[in-house]
Structure formats: structure tokens, C-alpha cells
Amino acid sequence: TASPDPVIVNEELTYTITVTNLGPDPVTDAEAVDTLPAGVTLESAISGQGSCVEASGVVTCAIGAMSVGQTVVITIVITPGATGE
């Protein structure tokens, strides 16, 4: 999900990524990776479990252990510096 939609250049856009372990087994080292579009500035990336880092325009969130059916929400805030999608 993204908000606001559409966003105005140089104003923050917040979007969320939902990661769910659909099974059939628990996982011990879940990870989510999101490549940022060119021309945006990362303001923050926060995971409901674990932590996120950014390098060269790629946000990687190390979530860790997830039981079957567990959901983790990641919130990313960016500022677009140019028009685009």
C-alpha cells in the first residue's frame, strides 16, 4: 500500500510491505528486499520485527524467525525527487 497516492515531488511517500509465512514450515532467517526507484531519497525503513538497512538503493530487512501464518509489516518512507512511477 502507498500513501498518499499520487505523491507530489519532494513530499514524503509512505508505503508498506506485508510479509507472511504461508508455510508449511516455520522459517529461521526471513528477509525482505526492496529496490528503490531511481531519484528517491530514503527517509526511513522500519520493520515490525528485525531491522532494515539500505545500500546502493536496495532496502534489506532482516526479519529473522517467523512461525507459520505470522505476518510482519515493513514501513518505508521515501521522498521522490522527480516525476515517475
PDB file of N, CA and C in Angstrom:
ATOM      1  N   THR A   1       0.850  -1.181   0.000  1.00  0.00           N
ATOM      2  CA  THR A   1       0.000   0.000   0.000  1.00  0.00           C
ATOM      3  C   THR A   1       0.889   1.236   0.000  1.00  0.00           C
ATOM      4  N   ALA A   2       0.376   2.327  -0.529  1.00  0.00           N
ATOM      5  CA  ALA A   2       1.136   3.574  -0.571  1.00  0.00           C
ATOM      6  C   ALA A   2       0.217   4.743  -0.209  1.00  0.00           C
ATOM      7  N   SER A   3       0.796   5.747   0.450  1.00  0.00           N
ATOM      8  CA  SER A   3       0.024   6.920   0.819  1.00  0.00           C
ATOM      9  C   SER A   3       0.957   8.117   0.901  1.00  0.00           C
ATOM     10  N   PRO A   4       0.611   9.271   0.348  1.00  0.00           N
ATOM     11  CA  PRO A   4      -0.568   9.488  -0.495  1.00  0.00           C
ATOM     12  C   PRO A   4      -0.356   8.905  -1.892  1.00  0.00           C
ATOM     13  N   ASP A   5      -1.427   8.775  -2.619  1.00  0.00           N
ATOM     14  CA  ASP A   5      -1.359   8.229  -3.980  1.00  0.00           C
ATOM     15  C   ASP A   5      -2.257   9.067  -4.862  1.00  0.00           C
ATOM     16  N   PRO A   6      -1.737   9.880  -5.742  1.00  0.00           N
ATOM     17  CA  PRO A   6      -0.310  10.025  -6.085  1.00  0.00           C
ATOM     18  C   PRO A   6       0.403  10.934  -5.089  1.00  0.00           C
ATOM     19  N   VAL A   7       1.711  10.875  -5.113  1.00  0.00           N
ATOM     20  CA  VAL A   7       2.539  11.719  -4.264  1.00  0.00           C
ATOM     21  C   VAL A   7       3.061  12.878  -5.096  1.00  0.00           C
ATOM     22  N   ILE A   8       3.372  13.974  -4.431  1.00  0.00           N
ATOM     23  CA  ILE A   8       3.923  15.158  -5.087  1.00  0.00           C
ATOM     24  C   ILE A   8       5.440  15.122  -4.932  1.00  0.00           C
ATOM     25  N   VAL A   9       6.159  15.516  -5.984  1.00  0.00           N
ATOM     26  CA  VAL A   9       7.620  15.549  -5.949  1.00  0.00           C
ATOM     27  C   VAL A   9       8.072  16.342  -4.731  1.00  0.00           C
ATOM     28  N   ASN A  10       9.087  15.822  -4.055  1.00  0.00           N
ATOM     29  CA  ASN A  10       9.692  16.413  -2.858  1.00  0.00           C
ATOM     30  C   ASN A  10       8.806  16.341  -1.622  1.00  0.00           C
ATOM     31  N   GLU A  11       7.732  15.549  -1.661  1.00  0.00           N
ATOM     32  CA  GLU A  11       6.921  15.301  -0.476  1.00  0.00           C
ATOM     33  C   GLU A  11       7.006  13.814  -0.142  1.00  0.00           C
ATOM     34  N   GLU A  12       6.944  13.486   1.142  1.00  0.00           N
ATOM     35  CA  GLU A  12       7.126  12.107   1.572  1.00  0.00           C
ATOM     36  C   GLU A  12       6.018  11.181   1.096  1.00  0.00           C
ATOM     37  N   LEU A  13       6.422   9.980   0.748  1.00  0.00           N
ATOM     38  CA  LEU A  13       5.518   8.888   0.392  1.00  0.00           C
ATOM     39  C   LEU A  13       5.808   7.751   1.354  1.00  0.00           C
ATOM     40  N   THR A  14       4.771   7.245   1.993  1.00  0.00           N
ATOM     41  CA  THR A  14       4.912   6.115   2.905  1.00  0.00           C
ATOM     42  C   THR A  14       4.262   4.910   2.265  1.00  0.00           C
ATOM     43  N   TYR A  15       4.989   3.795   2.222  1.00  0.00           N
ATOM     44  CA  TYR A  15       4.376   2.568   1.739  1.00  0.00           C
ATOM     45  C   TYR A  15       4.734   1.414   2.654  1.00  0.00           C
ATOM     46  N   THR A  16       3.873   0.409   2.629  1.00  0.00           N
ATOM     47  CA  THR A  16       4.074  -0.740   3.496  1.00  0.00           C
ATOM     48  C   THR A  16       4.208  -2.005   2.668  1.00  0.00           C
ATOM     49  N   ILE A  17       5.012  -2.904   3.193  1.00  0.00           N
ATOM     50  CA  ILE A  17       5.192  -4.233   2.619  1.00  0.00           C
ATOM     51  C   ILE A  17       4.780  -5.219   3.703  1.00  0.00           C
ATOM     52  N   THR A  18       3.910  -6.146   3.366  1.00  0.00           N
ATOM     53  CA  THR A  18       3.480  -7.163   4.314  1.00  0.00           C
ATOM     54  C   THR A  18       4.102  -8.497   3.928  1.00  0.00           C
ATOM     55  N   VAL A  19       4.830  -9.086   4.854  1.00  0.00           N
ATOM     56  CA  VAL A  19       5.479 -10.375   4.641  1.00  0.00           C
ATOM     57  C   VAL A  19       4.738 -11.398   5.496  1.00  0.00           C
ATOM     58  N   THR A  20       4.271 -12.481   4.861  1.00  0.00           N
ATOM     59  CA  THR A  20       3.545 -13.528   5.579  1.00  0.00           C
ATOM     60  C   THR A  20       4.171 -14.887   5.286  1.00  0.00           C
ATOM     61  N   ASN A  21       4.408 -15.659   6.325  1.00  0.00           N
ATOM     62  CA  ASN A  21       4.902 -17.025   6.147  1.00  0.00           C
ATOM     63  C   ASN A  21       3.690 -17.920   5.906  1.00  0.00           C
ATOM     64  N   LEU A  22       3.526 -18.353   4.662  1.00  0.00           N
ATOM     65  CA  LEU A  22       2.398 -19.195   4.294  1.00  0.00           C
ATOM     66  C   LEU A  22       2.656 -20.678   4.556  1.00  0.00           C
ATOM     67  N   GLY A  23       3.826 -20.980   5.114  1.00  0.00           N
ATOM     68  CA  GLY A  23       4.119 -22.365   5.488  1.00  0.00           C
ATOM     69  C   GLY A  23       4.602 -23.192   4.328  1.00  0.00           C
ATOM     70  N   PRO A  24       4.720 -24.460   4.498  1.00  0.00           N
ATOM     71  CA  PRO A  24       4.148 -25.247   5.593  1.00  0.00           C
ATOM     72  C   PRO A  24       5.008 -25.278   6.850  1.00  0.00           C
ATOM     73  N   ASP A  25       6.206 -24.678   6.830  1.00  0.00           N
ATOM     74  CA  ASP A  25       7.114 -24.765   7.972  1.00  0.00           C
ATOM     75  C   ASP A  25       7.478 -23.379   8.486  1.00  0.00           C
ATOM     76  N   PRO A  26       7.857 -23.296   9.763  1.00  0.00           N
ATOM     77  CA  PRO A  26       8.425 -22.043  10.271  1.00  0.00           C
ATOM     78  C   PRO A  26       9.738 -21.754   9.535  1.00  0.00           C
ATOM     79  N   VAL A  27      10.136 -20.506   9.510  1.00  0.00           N
ATOM     80  CA  VAL A  27      11.430 -20.134   8.921  1.00  0.00           C
ATOM     81  C   VAL A  27      12.294 -19.495  10.007  1.00  0.00           C
ATOM     82  N   THR A  28      13.607 -19.600   9.841  1.00  0.00           N
ATOM     83  CA  THR A  28      14.513 -19.058  10.860  1.00  0.00           C
ATOM     84  C   THR A  28      15.224 -17.793  10.415  1.00  0.00           C
ATOM     85  N   ASP A  29      15.231 -17.515   9.097  1.00  0.00           N
ATOM     86  CA  ASP A  29      16.036 -16.400   8.598  1.00  0.00           C
ATOM     87  C   ASP A  29      15.311 -15.654   7.479  1.00  0.00           C
ATOM     88  N   ALA A  30      14.090 -15.206   7.750  1.00  0.00           N
ATOM     89  CA  ALA A  30      13.313 -14.490   6.733  1.00  0.00           C
ATOM     90  C   ALA A  30      13.945 -13.138   6.433  1.00  0.00           C
ATOM     91  N   GLU A  31      13.828 -12.731   5.173  1.00  0.00           N
ATOM     92  CA  GLU A  31      14.403 -11.469   4.720  1.00  0.00           C
ATOM     93  C   GLU A  31      13.498 -10.880   3.641  1.00  0.00           C
ATOM     94  N   ALA A  32      13.353  -9.560   3.649  1.00  0.00           N
ATOM     95  CA  ALA A  32      12.609  -8.865   2.597  1.00  0.00           C
ATOM     96  C   ALA A  32      13.558  -7.878   1.933  1.00  0.00           C
ATOM     97  N   VAL A  33      13.500  -7.815   0.598  1.00  0.00           N
ATOM     98  CA  VAL A  33      14.386  -6.933  -0.167  1.00  0.00           C
ATOM     99  C   VAL A  33      13.523  -6.065  -1.083  1.00  0.00           C
ATOM    100  N   ASP A  34      13.760  -4.760  -1.057  1.00  0.00           N
ATOM    101  CA  ASP A  34      13.002  -3.818  -1.884  1.00  0.00           C
ATOM    102  C   ASP A  34      13.983  -2.872  -2.577  1.00  0.00           C
ATOM    103  N   THR A  35      13.962  -2.876  -3.911  1.00  0.00           N
ATOM    104  CA  THR A  35      14.814  -1.969  -4.679  1.00  0.00           C
ATOM    105  C   THR A  35      14.073  -0.649  -4.868  1.00  0.00           C
ATOM    106  N   LEU A  36      14.688   0.430  -4.421  1.00  0.00           N
ATOM    107  CA  LEU A  36      14.070   1.748  -4.539  1.00  0.00           C
ATOM    108  C   LEU A  36      14.200   2.260  -5.970  1.00  0.00           C
ATOM    109  N   PRO A  37      13.191   3.003  -6.431  1.00  0.00           N
ATOM    110  CA  PRO A  37      13.294   3.604  -7.762  1.00  0.00           C
ATOM    111  C   PRO A  37      14.403   4.660  -7.785  1.00  0.00           C
ATOM    112  N   ALA A  38      14.948   4.897  -8.957  1.00  0.00           N
ATOM    113  CA  ALA A  38      15.950   5.952  -9.111  1.00  0.00           C
ATOM    114  C   ALA A  38      15.315   7.301  -8.775  1.00  0.00           C
ATOM    115  N   GLY A  39      16.095   8.170  -8.192  1.00  0.00           N
ATOM    116  CA  GLY A  39      15.634   9.531  -7.939  1.00  0.00           C
ATOM    117  C   GLY A  39      14.861   9.722  -6.650  1.00  0.00           C
ATOM    118  N   VAL A  40      14.855   8.721  -5.764  1.00  0.00           N
ATOM    119  CA  VAL A  40      14.176   8.886  -4.480  1.00  0.00           C
ATOM    120  C   VAL A  40      15.197   8.911  -3.355  1.00  0.00           C
ATOM    121  N   THR A  41      14.828   9.542  -2.258  1.00  0.00           N
ATOM    122  CA  THR A  41      15.652   9.570  -1.058  1.00  0.00           C
ATOM    123  C   THR A  41      14.950   8.753   0.012  1.00  0.00           C
ATOM    124  N   LEU A  42      15.659   7.809   0.597  1.00  0.00           N
ATOM    125  CA  LEU A  42      15.097   7.015   1.687  1.00  0.00           C
ATOM    126  C   LEU A  42      15.105   7.856   2.957  1.00  0.00           C
ATOM    127  N   GLU A  43      13.947   7.984   3.572  1.00  0.00           N
ATOM    128  CA  GLU A  43      13.832   8.704   4.845  1.00  0.00           C
ATOM    129  C   GLU A  43      13.912   7.717   6.009  1.00  0.00           C
ATOM    130  N   SER A  44      13.213   6.580   5.885  1.00  0.00           N
ATOM    131  CA  SER A  44      13.260   5.565   6.936  1.00  0.00           C
ATOM    132  C   SER A  44      12.742   4.239   6.402  1.00  0.00           C
ATOM    133  N   ALA A  45      13.160   3.168   7.060  1.00  0.00           N
ATOM    134  CA  ALA A  45      12.678   1.820   6.768  1.00  0.00           C
ATOM    135  C   ALA A  45      12.611   1.094   8.107  1.00  0.00           C
ATOM    136  N   ILE A  46      11.409   0.743   8.526  1.00  0.00           N
ATOM    137  CA  ILE A  46      11.208   0.146   9.846  1.00  0.00           C
ATOM    138  C   ILE A  46      10.408  -1.135   9.696  1.00  0.00           C
ATOM    139  N   SER A  47      10.934  -2.198  10.276  1.00  0.00           N
ATOM    140  CA  SER A  47      10.259  -3.488  10.257  1.00  0.00           C
ATOM    141  C   SER A  47       9.623  -3.739  11.616  1.00  0.00           C
ATOM    142  N   GLY A  48       8.455  -4.363  11.613  1.00  0.00           N
ATOM    143  CA  GLY A  48       7.798  -4.736  12.861  1.00  0.00           C
ATOM    144  C   GLY A  48       8.582  -5.779  13.630  1.00  0.00           C
ATOM    145  N   GLN A  49       9.534  -6.419  12.975  1.00  0.00           N
ATOM    146  CA  GLN A  49      10.413  -7.413  13.597  1.00  0.00           C
ATOM    147  C   GLN A  49      11.749  -7.363  12.873  1.00  0.00           C
ATOM    148  N   GLY A  50      12.831  -7.334  13.615  1.00  0.00           N
ATOM    149  CA  GLY A  50      14.147  -7.278  12.992  1.00  0.00           C
ATOM    150  C   GLY A  50      14.526  -5.845  12.653  1.00  0.00           C
ATOM    151  N   SER A  51      15.413  -5.695  11.656  1.00  0.00           N
ATOM    152  CA  SER A  51      15.882  -4.361  11.297  1.00  0.00           C
ATOM    153  C   SER A  51      16.108  -4.263   9.801  1.00  0.00           C
ATOM    154  N   CYS A  52      16.165  -3.009   9.308  1.00  0.00           N
ATOM    155  CA  CYS A  52      16.346  -2.742   7.881  1.00  0.00           C
ATOM    156  C   CYS A  52      17.572  -1.864   7.672  1.00  0.00           C
ATOM    157  N   VAL A  53      18.256  -2.107   6.559  1.00  0.00           N
ATOM    158  CA  VAL A  53      19.380  -1.271   6.144  1.00  0.00           C
ATOM    159  C   VAL A  53      19.230  -0.994   4.648  1.00  0.00           C
ATOM    160  N   GLU A  54      19.860   0.094   4.195  1.00  0.00           N
ATOM    161  CA  GLU A  54      19.834   0.449   2.770  1.00  0.00           C
ATOM    162  C   GLU A  54      21.260   0.551   2.272  1.00  0.00           C
ATOM    163  N   ALA A  55      21.492   0.000   1.087  1.00  0.00           N
ATOM    164  CA  ALA A  55      22.794   0.119   0.431  1.00  0.00           C
ATOM    165  C   ALA A  55      22.569   0.172  -1.069  1.00  0.00           C
ATOM    166  N   SER A  56      23.092   1.201  -1.707  1.00  0.00           N
ATOM    167  CA  SER A  56      23.011   1.358  -3.161  1.00  0.00           C
ATOM    168  C   SER A  56      21.583   1.275  -3.680  1.00  0.00           C
ATOM    169  N   GLY A  57      20.648   1.863  -2.943  1.00  0.00           N
ATOM    170  CA  GLY A  57      19.255   1.901  -3.395  1.00  0.00           C
ATOM    171  C   GLY A  57      18.459   0.642  -3.141  1.00  0.00           C
ATOM    172  N   VAL A  58      18.997  -0.277  -2.355  1.00  0.00           N
ATOM    173  CA  VAL A  58      18.288  -1.514  -2.028  1.00  0.00           C
ATOM    174  C   VAL A  58      18.082  -1.572  -0.517  1.00  0.00           C
ATOM    175  N   VAL A  59      16.822  -1.696  -0.104  1.00  0.00           N
ATOM    176  CA  VAL A  59      16.488  -1.831   1.310  1.00  0.00           C
ATOM    177  C   VAL A  59      16.369  -3.321   1.613  1.00  0.00           C
ATOM    178  N   THR A  60      17.126  -3.774   2.604  1.00  0.00           N
ATOM    179  CA  THR A  60      17.079  -5.169   3.024  1.00  0.00           C
ATOM    180  C   THR A  60      16.669  -5.209   4.489  1.00  0.00           C
ATOM    181  N   CYS A  61      15.602  -5.960   4.758  1.00  0.00           N
ATOM    182  CA  CYS A  61      15.112  -6.098   6.122  1.00  0.00           C
ATOM    183  C   CYS A  61      15.326  -7.534   6.587  1.00  0.00           C
ATOM    184  N   ALA A  62      16.145  -7.687   7.613  1.00  0.00           N
ATOM    185  CA  ALA A  62      16.393  -8.997   8.213  1.00  0.00           C
ATOM    186  C   ALA A  62      15.308  -9.224   9.251  1.00  0.00           C
ATOM    187  N   ILE A  63      14.335 -10.063   8.914  1.00  0.00           N
ATOM    188  CA  ILE A  63      13.186 -10.296   9.783  1.00  0.00           C
ATOM    189  C   ILE A  63      13.489 -11.381  10.819  1.00  0.00           C
ATOM    190  N   GLY A  64      14.191 -12.420  10.406  1.00  0.00           N
ATOM    191  CA  GLY A  64      14.517 -13.500  11.338  1.00  0.00           C
ATOM    192  C   GLY A  64      13.457 -14.576  11.350  1.00  0.00           C
ATOM    193  N   ALA A  65      13.230 -15.159  12.515  1.00  0.00           N
ATOM    194  CA  ALA A  65      12.308 -16.293  12.649  1.00  0.00           C
ATOM    195  C   ALA A  65      10.856 -15.861  12.469  1.00  0.00           C
ATOM    196  N   MET A  66      10.112 -16.687  11.711  1.00  0.00           N
ATOM    197  CA  MET A  66       8.673 -16.462  11.522  1.00  0.00           C
ATOM    198  C   MET A  66       7.949 -17.806  11.625  1.00  0.00           C
ATOM    199  N   SER A  67       6.930 -17.846  12.460  1.00  0.00           N
ATOM    200  CA  SER A  67       6.120 -19.060  12.553  1.00  0.00           C
ATOM    201  C   SER A  67       5.142 -19.105  11.384  1.00  0.00           C
ATOM    202  N   VAL A  68       4.568 -20.261  11.145  1.00  0.00           N
ATOM    203  CA  VAL A  68       3.588 -20.413  10.064  1.00  0.00           C
ATOM    204  C   VAL A  68       2.398 -19.498  10.349  1.00  0.00           C
ATOM    205  N   GLY A  69       2.013 -18.711   9.351  1.00  0.00           N
ATOM    206  CA  GLY A  69       0.893 -17.789   9.483  1.00  0.00           C
ATOM    207  C   GLY A  69       1.257 -16.425  10.031  1.00  0.00           C
ATOM    208  N   GLN A  70       2.484 -16.266  10.512  1.00  0.00           N
ATOM    209  CA  GLN A  70       2.907 -14.986  11.073  1.00  0.00           C
ATOM    210  C   GLN A  70       3.069 -13.940   9.982  1.00  0.00           C
ATOM    211  N   THR A  71       2.707 -12.706  10.309  1.00  0.00           N
ATOM    212  CA  THR A  71       2.821 -11.581   9.390  1.00  0.00           C
ATOM    213  C   THR A  71       3.698 -10.501  10.020  1.00  0.00           C
ATOM    214  N   VAL A  72       4.574  -9.914   9.209  1.00  0.00           N
ATOM    215  CA  VAL A  72       5.415  -8.794   9.631  1.00  0.00           C
ATOM    216  C   VAL A  72       5.198  -7.659   8.641  1.00  0.00           C
ATOM    217  N   VAL A  73       4.978  -6.449   9.155  1.00  0.00           N
ATOM    218  CA  VAL A  73       4.756  -5.279   8.311  1.00  0.00           C
ATOM    219  C   VAL A  73       6.010  -4.408   8.327  1.00  0.00           C
ATOM    220  N   ILE A  74       6.430  -4.004   7.131  1.00  0.00           N
ATOM    221  CA  ILE A  74       7.581  -3.118   6.963  1.00  0.00           C
ATOM    222  C   ILE A  74       7.064  -1.790   6.424  1.00  0.00           C
ATOM    223  N   THR A  75       7.473  -0.696   7.043  1.00  0.00           N
ATOM    224  CA  THR A  75       7.060   0.639   6.610  1.00  0.00           C
ATOM    225  C   THR A  75       8.279   1.379   6.072  1.00  0.00           C
ATOM    226  N   ILE A  76       8.161   1.834   4.831  1.00  0.00           N
ATOM    227  CA  ILE A  76       9.252   2.552   4.162  1.00  0.00           C
ATOM    228  C   ILE A  76       8.756   3.947   3.794  1.00  0.00           C
ATOM    229  N   VAL A  77       9.561   4.948   4.131  1.00  0.00           N
ATOM    230  CA  VAL A  77       9.227   6.340   3.791  1.00  0.00           C
ATOM    231  C   VAL A  77      10.311   6.855   2.859  1.00  0.00           C
ATOM    232  N   ILE A  78       9.885   7.367   1.705  1.00  0.00           N
ATOM    233  CA  ILE A  78      10.808   7.923   0.716  1.00  0.00           C
ATOM    234  C   ILE A  78      10.341   9.317   0.315  1.00  0.00           C
ATOM    235  N   THR A  79      11.252  10.066  -0.290  1.00  0.00           N
ATOM    236  CA  THR A  79      10.913  11.348  -0.889  1.00  0.00           C
ATOM    237  C   THR A  79      11.346  11.292  -2.347  1.00  0.00           C
ATOM    238  N   PRO A  80      10.369  11.326  -3.269  1.00  0.00           N
ATOM    239  CA  PRO A  80      10.716  11.317  -4.693  1.00  0.00           C
ATOM    240  C   PRO A  80      11.250  12.679  -5.122  1.00  0.00           C
ATOM    241  N   GLY A  81      12.317  12.655  -5.910  1.00  0.00           N
ATOM    242  CA  GLY A  81      12.924  13.901  -6.374  1.00  0.00           C
ATOM    243  C   GLY A  81      12.561  14.262  -7.817  1.00  0.00           C
ATOM    244  N   ALA A  82      11.765  13.380  -8.461  1.00  0.00           N
ATOM    245  CA  ALA A  82      11.379  13.627  -9.841  1.00  0.00           C
ATOM    246  C   ALA A  82      10.077  12.888 -10.126  1.00  0.00           C
ATOM    247  N   THR A  83       9.403  13.260 -11.193  1.00  0.00           N
ATOM    248  CA  THR A  83       8.179  12.559 -11.563  1.00  0.00           C
ATOM    249  C   THR A  83       8.509  11.170 -12.101  1.00  0.00           C
ATOM    250  N   GLY A  84       7.568  10.255 -11.971  1.00  0.00           N
ATOM    251  CA  GLY A  84       7.756   8.885 -12.455  1.00  0.00           C
ATOM    252  C   GLY A  84       6.805   7.961 -11.759  1.00  0.00           C
ATOM    253  N   GLU A  85       7.026   6.678 -11.953  1.00  0.00           N
ATOM    254  CA  GLU A  85       6.181   5.669 -11.299  1.00  0.00           C
ATOM    255  C   GLU A  85       7.028   4.776 -10.424  1.00  0.00           C
TER     256      GLU A  85
END
